PDB file of N, CA and C in Angstrom:
ATOM      1  N   MET A   1      52.900 124.179 -34.025  1.00  0.00           N
ATOM      2  CA  MET A   1      53.825 123.564 -34.935  1.00  0.00           C
ATOM      3  C   MET A   1      55.128 124.370 -35.027  1.00  0.00           C
ATOM      4  N   SER A   2      55.325 125.245 -34.134  1.00  0.00           N
ATOM      5  CA  SER A   2      56.551 126.026 -34.157  1.00  0.00           C
ATOM      6  C   SER A   2      57.714 125.295 -33.497  1.00  0.00           C
ATOM      7  N   GLU A   3      57.438 124.142 -32.872  1.00  0.00           N
ATOM      8  CA  GLU A   3      58.501 123.389 -32.223  1.00  0.00           C
ATOM      9  C   GLU A   3      59.323 122.641 -33.273  1.00  0.00           C
ATOM     10  N   PRO A   4      60.637 122.649 -33.170  1.00  0.00           N
ATOM     11  CA  PRO A   4      61.463 121.923 -34.141  1.00  0.00           C
ATOM     12  C   PRO A   4      61.328 120.411 -33.938  1.00  0.00           C
ATOM     13  N   ILE A   5      61.476 119.700 -35.013  1.00  0.00           N
ATOM     14  CA  ILE A   5      61.422 118.233 -34.965  1.00  0.00           C
ATOM     15  C   ILE A   5      62.858 117.730 -34.928  1.00  0.00           C
ATOM     16  N   PHE A   6      63.130 116.839 -33.978  1.00  0.00           N
ATOM     17  CA  PHE A   6      64.478 116.294 -33.841  1.00  0.00           C
ATOM     18  C   PHE A   6      64.423 114.794 -34.101  1.00  0.00           C
ATOM     19  N   ILE A   7      65.209 114.343 -35.070  1.00  0.00           N
ATOM     20  CA  ILE A   7      65.336 112.913 -35.370  1.00  0.00           C
ATOM     21  C   ILE A   7      66.809 112.573 -35.215  1.00  0.00           C
ATOM     22  N   PRO A   8      67.125 111.623 -34.346  1.00  0.00           N
ATOM     23  CA  PRO A   8      68.539 111.246 -34.176  1.00  0.00           C
ATOM     24  C   PRO A   8      69.134 110.750 -35.502  1.00  0.00           C
ATOM     25  N   ALA A   9      70.402 110.971 -35.667  1.00  0.00           N
ATOM     26  CA  ALA A   9      71.086 110.605 -36.909  1.00  0.00           C
ATOM     27  C   ALA A   9      70.988 109.113 -37.191  1.00  0.00           C
ATOM     28  N   THR A  10      71.067 108.290 -36.150  1.00  0.00           N
ATOM     29  CA  THR A  10      70.987 106.836 -36.360  1.00  0.00           C
ATOM     30  C   THR A  10      69.607 106.432 -36.886  1.00  0.00           C
ATOM     31  N   THR A  11      68.562 107.045 -36.342  1.00  0.00           N
ATOM     32  CA  THR A  11      67.201 106.740 -36.788  1.00  0.00           C
ATOM     33  C   THR A  11      67.001 107.199 -38.224  1.00  0.00           C
ATOM     34  N   LEU A  12      67.479 108.393 -38.537  1.00  0.00           N
ATOM     35  CA  LEU A  12      67.357 108.917 -39.887  1.00  0.00           C
ATOM     36  C   LEU A  12      68.109 108.030 -40.882  1.00  0.00           C
ATOM     37  N   THR A  13      69.275 107.548 -40.491  1.00  0.00           N
ATOM     38  CA  THR A  13      70.059 106.662 -41.345  1.00  0.00           C
ATOM     39  C   THR A  13      69.309 105.363 -41.607  1.00  0.00           C
ATOM     40  N   GLU A  14      68.668 104.816 -40.580  1.00  0.00           N
ATOM     41  CA  GLU A  14      67.891 103.583 -40.743  1.00  0.00           C
ATOM     42  C   GLU A  14      66.719 103.810 -41.693  1.00  0.00           C
ATOM     43  N   PHE A  15      66.005 104.927 -41.514  1.00  0.00           N
ATOM     44  CA  PHE A  15      64.877 105.254 -42.382  1.00  0.00           C
ATOM     45  C   PHE A  15      65.327 105.357 -43.837  1.00  0.00           C
ATOM     46  N   LEU A  16      66.432 106.043 -44.080  1.00  0.00           N
ATOM     47  CA  LEU A  16      66.929 106.215 -45.444  1.00  0.00           C
ATOM     48  C   LEU A  16      67.377 104.883 -46.044  1.00  0.00           C
ATOM     49  N   ALA A  17      68.032 104.052 -45.246  1.00  0.00           N
ATOM     50  CA  ALA A  17      68.475 102.742 -45.742  1.00  0.00           C
ATOM     51  C   ALA A  17      67.272 101.870 -46.110  1.00  0.00           C
ATOM     52  N   ASN A  18      66.246 101.879 -45.271  1.00  0.00           N
ATOM     53  CA  ASN A  18      65.032 101.098 -45.551  1.00  0.00           C
ATOM     54  C   ASN A  18      64.336 101.612 -46.807  1.00  0.00           C
ATOM     55  N   ALA A  19      64.279 102.928 -46.963  1.00  0.00           N
ATOM     56  CA  ALA A  19      63.629 103.511 -48.140  1.00  0.00           C
ATOM     57  C   ALA A  19      64.397 103.155 -49.410  1.00  0.00           C
ATOM     58  N   GLU A  20      65.718 103.205 -49.367  1.00  0.00           N
ATOM     59  CA  GLU A  20      66.525 102.854 -50.530  1.00  0.00           C
ATOM     60  C   GLU A  20      66.378 101.379 -50.881  1.00  0.00           C
ATOM     61  N   LYS A  21      66.316 100.539 -49.864  1.00  0.00           N
ATOM     62  CA  LYS A  21      66.134  99.114 -50.095  1.00  0.00           C
ATOM     63  C   LYS A  21      64.768  98.847 -50.732  1.00  0.00           C
ATOM     64  N   ALA A  22      63.724  99.505 -50.225  1.00  0.00           N
ATOM     65  CA  ALA A  22      62.388  99.335 -50.778  1.00  0.00           C
ATOM     66  C   ALA A  22      62.339  99.819 -52.223  1.00  0.00           C
ATOM     67  N   GLU A  23      63.007 100.925 -52.511  1.00  0.00           N
ATOM     68  CA  GLU A  23      63.023 101.458 -53.874  1.00  0.00           C
ATOM     69  C   GLU A  23      63.721 100.487 -54.827  1.00  0.00           C
ATOM     70  N   SER A  24      64.841  99.917 -54.403  1.00  0.00           N
ATOM     71  CA  SER A  24      65.558  98.981 -55.269  1.00  0.00           C
ATOM     72  C   SER A  24      64.736  97.715 -55.492  1.00  0.00           C
ATOM     73  N   MET A  25      63.998  97.269 -54.477  1.00  0.00           N
ATOM     74  CA  MET A  25      63.152  96.090 -54.632  1.00  0.00           C
ATOM     75  C   MET A  25      62.034  96.360 -55.629  1.00  0.00           C
ATOM     76  N   ILE A  26      61.498  97.572 -55.594  1.00  0.00           N
ATOM     77  CA  ILE A  26      60.439  97.924 -56.529  1.00  0.00           C
ATOM     78  C   ILE A  26      60.988  97.966 -57.946  1.00  0.00           C
ATOM     79  N   LYS A  27      62.160  98.574 -58.115  1.00  0.00           N
ATOM     80  CA  LYS A  27      62.763  98.654 -59.443  1.00  0.00           C
ATOM     81  C   LYS A  27      63.110  97.279 -59.992  1.00  0.00           C
ATOM     82  N   GLU A  28      63.560  96.379 -59.145  1.00  0.00           N
ATOM     83  CA  GLU A  28      63.934  95.036 -59.570  1.00  0.00           C
ATOM     84  C   GLU A  28      62.741  94.098 -59.625  1.00  0.00           C
ATOM     85  N   ASN A  29      61.576  94.597 -59.236  1.00  0.00           N
ATOM     86  CA  ASN A  29      60.343  93.816 -59.215  1.00  0.00           C
ATOM     87  C   ASN A  29      60.476  92.588 -58.315  1.00  0.00           C
ATOM     88  N   THR A  30      61.109  92.771 -57.191  1.00  0.00           N
ATOM     89  CA  THR A  30      61.180  91.717 -56.183  1.00  0.00           C
ATOM     90  C   THR A  30      60.545  92.263 -54.919  1.00  0.00           C
ATOM     91  N   GLY A  31      60.259  91.419 -54.016  1.00  0.00           N
ATOM     92  CA  GLY A  31      59.659  91.885 -52.774  1.00  0.00           C
ATOM     93  C   GLY A  31      59.541  90.755 -51.780  1.00  0.00           C
ATOM     94  N   ALA A  32      58.887  91.056 -50.722  1.00  0.00           N
ATOM     95  CA  ALA A  32      58.684  90.039 -49.702  1.00  0.00           C
ATOM     96  C   ALA A  32      57.734  88.987 -50.251  1.00  0.00           C
ATOM     97  N   ARG A  33      58.072  87.769 -50.074  1.00  0.00           N
ATOM     98  CA  ARG A  33      57.234  86.681 -50.564  1.00  0.00           C
ATOM     99  C   ARG A  33      56.632  85.956 -49.367  1.00  0.00           C
ATOM    100  N   LEU A  34      55.383  85.657 -49.489  1.00  0.00           N
ATOM    101  CA  LEU A  34      54.667  84.957 -48.438  1.00  0.00           C
ATOM    102  C   LEU A  34      54.906  83.466 -48.611  1.00  0.00           C
ATOM    103  N   THR A  35      55.488  82.847 -47.609  1.00  0.00           N
ATOM    104  CA  THR A  35      55.691  81.403 -47.662  1.00  0.00           C
ATOM    105  C   THR A  35      54.624  80.751 -46.801  1.00  0.00           C
ATOM    106  N   LEU A  36      53.986  79.761 -47.371  1.00  0.00           N
ATOM    107  CA  LEU A  36      52.923  79.075 -46.661  1.00  0.00           C
ATOM    108  C   LEU A  36      53.510  77.969 -45.805  1.00  0.00           C
ATOM    109  N   GLY A  37      52.929  77.780 -44.656  1.00  0.00           N
ATOM    110  CA  GLY A  37      53.405  76.738 -43.751  1.00  0.00           C
ATOM    111  C   GLY A  37      53.050  75.350 -44.250  1.00  0.00           C
ATOM    112  N   LYS A  38      53.447  74.356 -43.513  1.00  0.00           N
ATOM    113  CA  LYS A  38      53.180  72.974 -43.909  1.00  0.00           C
ATOM    114  C   LYS A  38      51.691  72.648 -43.830  1.00  0.00           C
ATOM    115  N   ILE A  39      50.986  73.342 -42.975  1.00  0.00           N
ATOM    116  CA  ILE A  39      49.569  73.037 -42.780  1.00  0.00           C
ATOM    117  C   ILE A  39      48.731  73.549 -43.945  1.00  0.00           C
ATOM    118  N   VAL A  40      49.113  74.674 -44.500  1.00  0.00           N
ATOM    119  CA  VAL A  40      48.335  75.300 -45.564  1.00  0.00           C
ATOM    120  C   VAL A  40      48.634  74.607 -46.883  1.00  0.00           C
ATOM    121  N   ARG A  41      47.592  74.161 -47.565  1.00  0.00           N
ATOM    122  CA  ARG A  41      47.741  73.519 -48.864  1.00  0.00           C
ATOM    123  C   ARG A  41      46.761  74.149 -49.834  1.00  0.00           C
ATOM    124  N   LYS A  42      47.171  74.229 -51.055  1.00  0.00           N
ATOM    125  CA  LYS A  42      46.285  74.763 -52.082  1.00  0.00           C
ATOM    126  C   LYS A  42      45.298  73.676 -52.488  1.00  0.00           C
ATOM    127  N   ARG A  43      44.074  74.136 -52.736  1.00  0.00           N
ATOM    128  CA  ARG A  43      43.065  73.198 -53.206  1.00  0.00           C
ATOM    129  C   ARG A  43      43.239  72.991 -54.704  1.00  0.00           C
ATOM    130  N   ARG A  44      43.050  71.790 -55.138  1.00  0.00           N
ATOM    131  CA  ARG A  44      43.096  71.520 -56.564  1.00  0.00           C
ATOM    132  C   ARG A  44      41.824  72.060 -57.196  1.00  0.00           C
ATOM    133  N   THR A  45      41.986  72.641 -58.358  1.00  0.00           N
ATOM    134  CA  THR A  45      40.801  73.138 -59.046  1.00  0.00           C
ATOM    135  C   THR A  45      40.102  71.976 -59.723  1.00  0.00           C
ATOM    136  N   GLN A  46      38.799  72.057 -59.719  1.00  0.00           N
ATOM    137  CA  GLN A  46      38.030  71.009 -60.361  1.00  0.00           C
ATOM    138  C   GLN A  46      38.088  71.210 -61.866  1.00  0.00           C
ATOM    139  N   SER A  47      38.117  70.123 -62.593  1.00  0.00           N
ATOM    140  CA  SER A  47      38.163  70.254 -64.042  1.00  0.00           C
ATOM    141  C   SER A  47      36.824  70.799 -64.533  1.00  0.00           C
ATOM    142  N   THR A  48      36.913  71.608 -65.556  1.00  0.00           N
ATOM    143  CA  THR A  48      35.710  72.209 -66.120  1.00  0.00           C
ATOM    144  C   THR A  48      34.955  71.140 -66.898  1.00  0.00           C
ATOM    145  N   PRO A  49      33.672  70.973 -66.604  1.00  0.00           N
ATOM    146  CA  PRO A  49      32.923  69.935 -67.316  1.00  0.00           C
ATOM    147  C   PRO A  49      32.739  70.314 -68.789  1.00  0.00           C
ATOM    148  N   VAL A  50      32.735  69.314 -69.627  1.00  0.00           N
ATOM    149  CA  VAL A  50      32.522  69.542 -71.047  1.00  0.00           C
ATOM    150  C   VAL A  50      31.072  69.950 -71.237  1.00  0.00           C
ATOM    151  N   GLU A  51      30.898  71.063 -71.946  1.00  0.00           N
ATOM    152  CA  GLU A  51      29.536  71.570 -72.128  1.00  0.00           C
ATOM    153  C   GLU A  51      28.850  70.759 -73.223  1.00  0.00           C
ATOM    154  N   GLU A  52      27.715  70.251 -72.894  1.00  0.00           N
ATOM    155  CA  GLU A  52      26.954  69.491 -73.869  1.00  0.00           C
ATOM    156  C   GLU A  52      25.737  70.306 -74.285  1.00  0.00           C
ATOM    157  N   LEU A  53      25.491  70.314 -75.585  1.00  0.00           N
ATOM    158  CA  LEU A  53      24.342  71.048 -76.091  1.00  0.00           C
ATOM    159  C   LEU A  53      23.105  70.160 -76.036  1.00  0.00           C
ATOM    160  N   ASP A  54      22.034  70.702 -75.521  1.00  0.00           N
ATOM    161  CA  ASP A  54      20.802  69.946 -75.576  1.00  0.00           C
ATOM    162  C   ASP A  54      20.195  70.150 -76.963  1.00  0.00           C
ATOM    163  N   GLU A  55      19.172  69.405 -77.296  1.00  0.00           N
ATOM    164  CA  GLU A  55      18.610  69.429 -78.646  1.00  0.00           C
ATOM    165  C   GLU A  55      18.070  70.798 -79.019  1.00  0.00           C
ATOM    166  N   VAL A  56      17.436  71.485 -78.095  1.00  0.00           N
ATOM    167  CA  VAL A  56      16.854  72.789 -78.392  1.00  0.00           C
ATOM    168  C   VAL A  56      17.952  73.783 -78.773  1.00  0.00           C
ATOM    169  N   LYS A  57      19.018  73.837 -77.986  1.00  0.00           N
ATOM    170  CA  LYS A  57      20.111  74.750 -78.284  1.00  0.00           C
ATOM    171  C   LYS A  57      20.799  74.364 -79.583  1.00  0.00           C
ATOM    172  N   GLU A  58      20.955  73.061 -79.810  1.00  0.00           N
ATOM    173  CA  GLU A  58      21.617  72.598 -81.020  1.00  0.00           C
ATOM    174  C   GLU A  58      20.808  72.982 -82.262  1.00  0.00           C
ATOM    175  N   ASN A  59      19.488  72.808 -82.208  1.00  0.00           N
ATOM    176  CA  ASN A  59      18.626  73.183 -83.336  1.00  0.00           C
ATOM    177  C   ASN A  59      18.676  74.687 -83.571  1.00  0.00           C
ATOM    178  N   ARG A  60      18.644  75.463 -82.513  1.00  0.00           N
ATOM    179  CA  ARG A  60      18.703  76.919 -82.635  1.00  0.00           C
ATOM    180  C   ARG A  60      20.031  77.337 -83.268  1.00  0.00           C
ATOM    181  N   PHE A  61      21.106  76.688 -82.872  1.00  0.00           N
ATOM    182  CA  PHE A  61      22.423  76.990 -83.409  1.00  0.00           C
ATOM    183  C   PHE A  61      22.473  76.674 -84.906  1.00  0.00           C
ATOM    184  N   ARG A  62      21.909  75.520 -85.304  1.00  0.00           N
ATOM    185  CA  ARG A  62      21.875  75.156 -86.729  1.00  0.00           C
ATOM    186  C   ARG A  62      21.076  76.175 -87.529  1.00  0.00           C
ATOM    187  N   GLU A  63      19.919  76.592 -86.997  1.00  0.00           N
ATOM    188  CA  GLU A  63      19.086  77.574 -87.688  1.00  0.00           C
ATOM    189  C   GLU A  63      19.830  78.892 -87.881  1.00  0.00           C
ATOM    190  N   GLU A  64      20.553  79.319 -86.855  1.00  0.00           N
ATOM    191  CA  GLU A  64      21.327  80.556 -86.972  1.00  0.00           C
ATOM    192  C   GLU A  64      22.411  80.419 -88.032  1.00  0.00           C
ATOM    193  N   GLU A  65      23.063  79.275 -88.102  1.00  0.00           N
ATOM    194  CA  GLU A  65      24.088  79.049 -89.120  1.00  0.00           C
ATOM    195  C   GLU A  65      23.482  79.089 -90.516  1.00  0.00           C
ATOM    196  N   GLU A  66      22.324  78.451 -90.676  1.00  0.00           N
ATOM    197  CA  GLU A  66      21.665  78.438 -91.984  1.00  0.00           C
ATOM    198  C   GLU A  66      21.261  79.844 -92.399  1.00  0.00           C
ATOM    199  N   ARG A  67      20.738  80.642 -91.468  1.00  0.00           N
ATOM    200  CA  ARG A  67      20.362  82.024 -91.777  1.00  0.00           C
ATOM    201  C   ARG A  67      21.588  82.832 -92.199  1.00  0.00           C
ATOM    202  N   ALA A  68      22.689  82.612 -91.512  1.00  0.00           N
ATOM    203  CA  ALA A  68      23.909  83.332 -91.848  1.00  0.00           C
ATOM    204  C   ALA A  68      24.390  82.938 -93.250  1.00  0.00           C
ATOM    205  N   GLU A  69      24.297  81.657 -93.581  1.00  0.00           N
ATOM    206  CA  GLU A  69      24.698  81.215 -94.915  1.00  0.00           C
ATOM    207  C   GLU A  69      23.810  81.838 -95.983  1.00  0.00           C
ATOM    208  N   ARG A  70      22.490  81.896 -95.747  1.00  0.00           N
ATOM    209  CA  ARG A  70      21.568  82.514 -96.713  1.00  0.00           C
ATOM    210  C   ARG A  70      21.903  83.982 -96.922  1.00  0.00           C
ATOM    211  N   ARG A  71      22.228  84.696 -95.809  1.00  0.00           N
ATOM    212  CA  ARG A  71      22.591  86.114 -95.928  1.00  0.00           C
ATOM    213  C   ARG A  71      23.852  86.278 -96.778  1.00  0.00           C
ATOM    214  N   VAL A  72      24.807  85.396 -96.584  1.00  0.00           N
ATOM    215  CA  VAL A  72      26.063  85.481 -97.346  1.00  0.00           C
ATOM    216  C   VAL A  72      25.796  85.233 -98.805  1.00  0.00           C
ATOM    217  N   ARG A  73      24.943  84.246 -99.118  1.00  0.00           N
ATOM    218  CA  ARG A  73      24.613  83.945-100.519  1.00  0.00           C
ATOM    219  C   ARG A  73      23.919  85.132-101.174  1.00  0.00           C
ATOM    220  N   LYS A  74      23.003  85.787-100.432  1.00  0.00           N
ATOM    221  CA  LYS A  74      22.286  86.943-100.989  1.00  0.00           C
ATOM    222  C   LYS A  74      23.251  88.088-101.277  1.00  0.00           C
ATOM    223  N   THR A  75      24.180  88.341-100.354  1.00  0.00           N
ATOM    224  CA  THR A  75      25.122  89.446-100.567  1.00  0.00           C
ATOM    225  C   THR A  75      26.104  89.108-101.686  1.00  0.00           C
ATOM    226  N   ASP A  76      26.422  87.815-101.881  1.00  0.00           N
ATOM    227  CA  ASP A  76      27.330  87.419-102.956  1.00  0.00           C
ATOM    228  C   ASP A  76      26.668  87.602-104.315  1.00  0.00           C
ATOM    229  N   LYS A  77      25.347  87.327-104.407  1.00  0.00           N
ATOM    230  CA  LYS A  77      24.613  87.479-105.674  1.00  0.00           C
ATOM    231  C   LYS A  77      24.481  88.937-106.070  1.00  0.00           C
ATOM    232  N   ALA A  78      24.393  89.799-105.075  1.00  0.00           N
ATOM    233  CA  ALA A  78      24.147  91.229-105.372  1.00  0.00           C
ATOM    234  C   ALA A  78      25.365  91.941-105.886  1.00  0.00           C
TER     235      ALA A  78
END
């Protein structure tokens, strides 16, 4: 590693210009944008189905609500 490294002035100037351009793009929050060709199309997302509660889950949910109400009444009385 005792050999000196030689970079031509034109190459060094190009490197510095590219680095400054990249730094300014980062600061401005801009950058290279990927443009999709005509062939590439985004898929439409499927709509999320409405969740329906079955009777077992619905009964369990009601029981939990009733228990919570009883707990609140007990703490209010105390």
